[in-house]
Each structure stands twice: as structure tokens, then as C-alpha cells.
N, C-alpha and C. Protein backbone atom coordinates (compact mmCIF):
# COMPACT_ATOMS: atom_id res chain seq x y z
N MET A 1 2.66 2.97 -11.60
CA MET A 1 2.18 3.57 -10.37
C MET A 1 0.92 2.84 -9.92
N GLY A 2 0.82 2.70 -8.61
CA GLY A 2 -0.36 2.08 -8.04
C GLY A 2 -1.10 3.06 -7.14
N THR A 3 -2.36 2.79 -6.91
CA THR A 3 -3.16 3.59 -6.00
C THR A 3 -3.50 2.71 -4.81
N PHE A 4 -3.22 3.21 -3.62
CA PHE A 4 -3.37 2.44 -2.40
C PHE A 4 -4.29 3.17 -1.43
N LEU A 5 -5.07 2.40 -0.67
CA LEU A 5 -5.95 2.92 0.37
C LEU A 5 -5.47 2.35 1.69
N ALA A 6 -5.10 3.22 2.61
CA ALA A 6 -4.69 2.80 3.95
C ALA A 6 -5.78 3.21 4.93
N LYS A 7 -6.30 2.24 5.66
CA LYS A 7 -7.30 2.51 6.69
C LYS A 7 -6.59 2.44 8.04
N MET A 8 -6.75 3.52 8.81
CA MET A 8 -6.05 3.65 10.08
C MET A 8 -6.93 3.20 11.24
N THR A 9 -6.29 2.89 12.37
CA THR A 9 -7.02 2.42 13.54
C THR A 9 -7.93 3.48 14.15
N ASP A 10 -7.66 4.77 13.88
CA ASP A 10 -8.52 5.83 14.41
C ASP A 10 -9.73 6.12 13.52
N GLY A 11 -9.90 5.31 12.47
CA GLY A 11 -11.05 5.47 11.57
C GLY A 11 -10.77 6.33 10.35
N SER A 12 -9.63 6.99 10.30
CA SER A 12 -9.29 7.81 9.14
C SER A 12 -8.78 6.93 7.99
N GLU A 13 -8.76 7.51 6.81
CA GLU A 13 -8.27 6.80 5.61
C GLU A 13 -7.30 7.70 4.86
N MET A 14 -6.39 7.08 4.14
CA MET A 14 -5.41 7.81 3.35
C MET A 14 -5.30 7.12 2.00
N ILE A 15 -5.41 7.88 0.91
CA ILE A 15 -5.20 7.34 -0.43
C ILE A 15 -3.86 7.86 -0.92
N LEU A 16 -3.01 6.93 -1.35
CA LEU A 16 -1.66 7.26 -1.81
C LEU A 16 -1.43 6.73 -3.20
N THR A 17 -0.63 7.43 -3.96
CA THR A 17 -0.16 6.95 -5.26
C THR A 17 1.33 6.72 -5.12
N ALA A 18 1.77 5.51 -5.42
CA ALA A 18 3.19 5.15 -5.28
C ALA A 18 3.52 4.07 -6.28
N GLY A 19 4.80 3.90 -6.52
CA GLY A 19 5.25 2.86 -7.43
C GLY A 19 5.04 1.46 -6.87
N ARG A 20 5.19 1.34 -5.54
CA ARG A 20 4.99 0.05 -4.89
C ARG A 20 4.79 0.25 -3.40
N ALA A 21 4.29 -0.79 -2.77
CA ALA A 21 4.12 -0.80 -1.32
C ALA A 21 4.67 -2.13 -0.81
N THR A 22 5.19 -2.12 0.39
CA THR A 22 5.72 -3.34 0.99
C THR A 22 5.34 -3.40 2.46
N ARG A 23 5.10 -4.61 2.94
CA ARG A 23 4.80 -4.81 4.36
C ARG A 23 5.95 -5.59 4.97
N SER A 24 6.46 -5.09 6.09
CA SER A 24 7.56 -5.76 6.78
C SER A 24 7.02 -6.87 7.67
N GLU A 25 7.91 -7.70 8.18
CA GLU A 25 7.50 -8.77 9.10
C GLU A 25 6.84 -8.18 10.35
N GLY A 26 7.29 -6.98 10.75
CA GLY A 26 6.72 -6.32 11.92
C GLY A 26 5.38 -5.67 11.68
N GLY A 27 4.93 -5.60 10.42
CA GLY A 27 3.63 -5.04 10.10
C GLY A 27 3.64 -3.62 9.57
N ASP A 28 4.80 -2.96 9.60
CA ASP A 28 4.89 -1.61 9.04
C ASP A 28 4.73 -1.69 7.52
N VAL A 29 4.09 -0.68 6.93
CA VAL A 29 3.91 -0.63 5.48
C VAL A 29 4.62 0.61 4.95
N ALA A 30 5.47 0.41 3.94
CA ALA A 30 6.21 1.51 3.32
C ALA A 30 5.75 1.66 1.88
N PHE A 31 5.64 2.91 1.45
CA PHE A 31 5.28 3.24 0.07
C PHE A 31 6.52 3.86 -0.58
N GLU A 32 6.83 3.41 -1.78
CA GLU A 32 8.03 3.86 -2.46
C GLU A 32 7.72 4.29 -3.89
N SER A 33 8.51 5.23 -4.40
CA SER A 33 8.39 5.68 -5.78
C SER A 33 9.77 5.59 -6.43
N VAL A 34 9.78 5.58 -7.75
CA VAL A 34 11.03 5.43 -8.50
C VAL A 34 11.28 6.68 -9.33
N ASP A 35 12.56 7.05 -9.45
CA ASP A 35 12.89 8.21 -10.29
C ASP A 35 13.24 7.75 -11.71
N ALA A 36 13.59 8.68 -12.58
CA ALA A 36 13.87 8.38 -13.98
C ALA A 36 15.08 7.47 -14.16
N ARG A 37 15.94 7.38 -13.17
CA ARG A 37 17.13 6.53 -13.24
C ARG A 37 16.92 5.15 -12.62
N GLY A 38 15.72 4.90 -12.16
CA GLY A 38 15.41 3.58 -11.59
C GLY A 38 15.73 3.45 -10.12
N ASN A 39 15.97 4.55 -9.43
CA ASN A 39 16.28 4.53 -8.00
C ASN A 39 15.00 4.65 -7.18
N TRP A 40 14.78 3.68 -6.30
CA TRP A 40 13.59 3.68 -5.46
C TRP A 40 13.85 4.48 -4.19
N SER A 41 12.85 5.23 -3.74
CA SER A 41 12.96 5.97 -2.49
C SER A 41 11.63 5.90 -1.75
N ARG A 42 11.72 5.82 -0.44
CA ARG A 42 10.54 5.72 0.41
C ARG A 42 9.87 7.08 0.50
N THR A 43 8.57 7.11 0.28
CA THR A 43 7.83 8.37 0.35
C THR A 43 6.97 8.47 1.61
N CYS A 44 6.61 7.31 2.17
CA CYS A 44 5.74 7.31 3.35
C CYS A 44 5.85 5.96 4.04
N THR A 45 5.89 5.95 5.36
CA THR A 45 5.87 4.71 6.15
C THR A 45 4.75 4.81 7.16
N LEU A 46 3.94 3.76 7.23
CA LEU A 46 2.86 3.69 8.21
C LEU A 46 3.20 2.61 9.22
N ARG A 47 3.20 2.95 10.48
CA ARG A 47 3.53 2.02 11.55
C ARG A 47 2.37 1.05 11.80
N ALA A 48 2.71 -0.18 12.10
CA ALA A 48 1.72 -1.24 12.30
C ALA A 48 0.70 -0.89 13.37
N ALA A 49 1.13 -0.21 14.42
CA ALA A 49 0.23 0.12 15.53
C ALA A 49 -0.89 1.07 15.10
N ARG A 50 -0.67 1.86 14.07
CA ARG A 50 -1.67 2.83 13.60
C ARG A 50 -2.48 2.31 12.42
N LEU A 51 -2.10 1.17 11.86
CA LEU A 51 -2.65 0.69 10.60
C LEU A 51 -3.69 -0.41 10.81
N ASP A 52 -4.86 -0.24 10.22
CA ASP A 52 -5.90 -1.26 10.27
C ASP A 52 -5.79 -2.19 9.06
N SER A 53 -5.73 -1.62 7.84
CA SER A 53 -5.62 -2.44 6.63
C SER A 53 -5.10 -1.60 5.47
N VAL A 54 -4.57 -2.30 4.45
CA VAL A 54 -4.10 -1.65 3.22
C VAL A 54 -4.77 -2.33 2.05
N HIS A 55 -5.24 -1.53 1.11
CA HIS A 55 -5.90 -2.03 -0.09
C HIS A 55 -5.21 -1.45 -1.32
N VAL A 56 -5.21 -2.20 -2.42
CA VAL A 56 -4.68 -1.70 -3.69
C VAL A 56 -5.82 -1.66 -4.70
N ARG A 57 -5.79 -0.67 -5.57
CA ARG A 57 -6.84 -0.52 -6.60
C ARG A 57 -6.50 -1.42 -7.77
N ARG A 58 -7.41 -2.31 -8.12
CA ARG A 58 -7.22 -3.26 -9.22
C ARG A 58 -8.47 -3.30 -10.09
N ILE A 59 -8.27 -3.66 -11.34
CA ILE A 59 -9.38 -3.91 -12.26
C ILE A 59 -9.72 -5.39 -12.17
N GLY A 60 -10.95 -5.69 -11.80
CA GLY A 60 -11.38 -7.08 -11.66
C GLY A 60 -11.63 -7.74 -13.01
N GLU A 61 -11.90 -9.03 -12.98
CA GLU A 61 -12.17 -9.79 -14.21
C GLU A 61 -13.40 -9.27 -14.94
N ASN A 62 -14.29 -8.63 -14.22
CA ASN A 62 -15.50 -8.07 -14.83
C ASN A 62 -15.27 -6.67 -15.39
N GLY A 63 -14.03 -6.16 -15.30
CA GLY A 63 -13.70 -4.85 -15.84
C GLY A 63 -13.98 -3.68 -14.92
N VAL A 64 -14.43 -3.96 -13.71
CA VAL A 64 -14.77 -2.92 -12.75
C VAL A 64 -13.61 -2.73 -11.76
N ALA A 65 -13.22 -1.49 -11.52
CA ALA A 65 -12.17 -1.19 -10.55
C ALA A 65 -12.67 -1.49 -9.14
N GLN A 66 -11.78 -2.04 -8.31
CA GLN A 66 -12.17 -2.39 -6.95
C GLN A 66 -10.95 -2.29 -6.03
N TRP A 67 -11.20 -2.14 -4.74
CA TRP A 67 -10.13 -2.15 -3.75
C TRP A 67 -9.90 -3.60 -3.32
N VAL A 68 -8.67 -4.06 -3.41
CA VAL A 68 -8.32 -5.42 -3.01
C VAL A 68 -7.49 -5.34 -1.73
N ARG A 69 -8.00 -5.94 -0.68
CA ARG A 69 -7.31 -5.90 0.62
C ARG A 69 -6.05 -6.77 0.57
N GLN A 70 -4.98 -6.23 1.11
CA GLN A 70 -3.72 -6.95 1.18
C GLN A 70 -3.65 -7.73 2.48
N SER A 71 -2.83 -8.75 2.52
CA SER A 71 -2.72 -9.62 3.68
C SER A 71 -2.32 -8.84 4.93
N ALA A 72 -2.90 -9.20 6.05
CA ALA A 72 -2.59 -8.56 7.33
C ALA A 72 -1.43 -9.24 8.05
N SER A 73 -0.83 -10.24 7.41
CA SER A 73 0.30 -10.94 8.03
C SER A 73 1.35 -11.27 6.98
N GLY A 74 2.55 -11.46 7.44
CA GLY A 74 3.66 -11.82 6.55
C GLY A 74 4.12 -10.66 5.68
N ARG A 75 5.20 -10.88 4.97
CA ARG A 75 5.74 -9.85 4.07
C ARG A 75 5.00 -9.91 2.74
N TRP A 76 4.84 -8.76 2.11
CA TRP A 76 4.30 -8.72 0.75
C TRP A 76 4.78 -7.47 0.03
N TRP A 77 4.78 -7.57 -1.29
CA TRP A 77 5.06 -6.44 -2.17
C TRP A 77 3.85 -6.26 -3.06
N CYS A 78 3.51 -5.05 -3.36
CA CYS A 78 2.37 -4.77 -4.21
C CYS A 78 2.72 -3.63 -5.16
N TYR A 79 2.47 -3.83 -6.45
CA TYR A 79 2.78 -2.82 -7.46
C TYR A 79 1.52 -2.28 -8.07
């Protein structure tokens, strides 16, 4: 499971826990979780027009947790 921070264009923020996140070519970001049988299902989709940025929580080389901003262009997957 990953922890994700979505910053919206209206200034609000949303923290989500999901198995993975993906960004489409159009800029929409979907969050998905997996069940005990390995089946993935979408739990939340954020439309590109409402989305400012997406960050994932990672432990840095110095051992400190930090938010890492994901690319604002192209497709990506993040676990």
C-alpha cells in the first residue's frame, strides 16, 4: 500500500491510501487497490482539470519520510 497526496486546483488537498496510482495520457489520475485474490479495482479517479499535482510518500536516503512529486506529464505508475 502506498500513501498519496493529491493537491487540487482549488487549493484543497486529499491524502489517499491505495495499492497503486496511475496517470493517463490525458492527465487523469486513478487510484487502485487489490483484493486477496489479486484483482485490482479503481477506488478513486481525479480528473486532470481539477488536479494540480500528485505526490507519493517515500523514505529518502537519509531515512526521513518525504513527499515525492510525480511527473505532471506522460503516463506513470506508482506503488
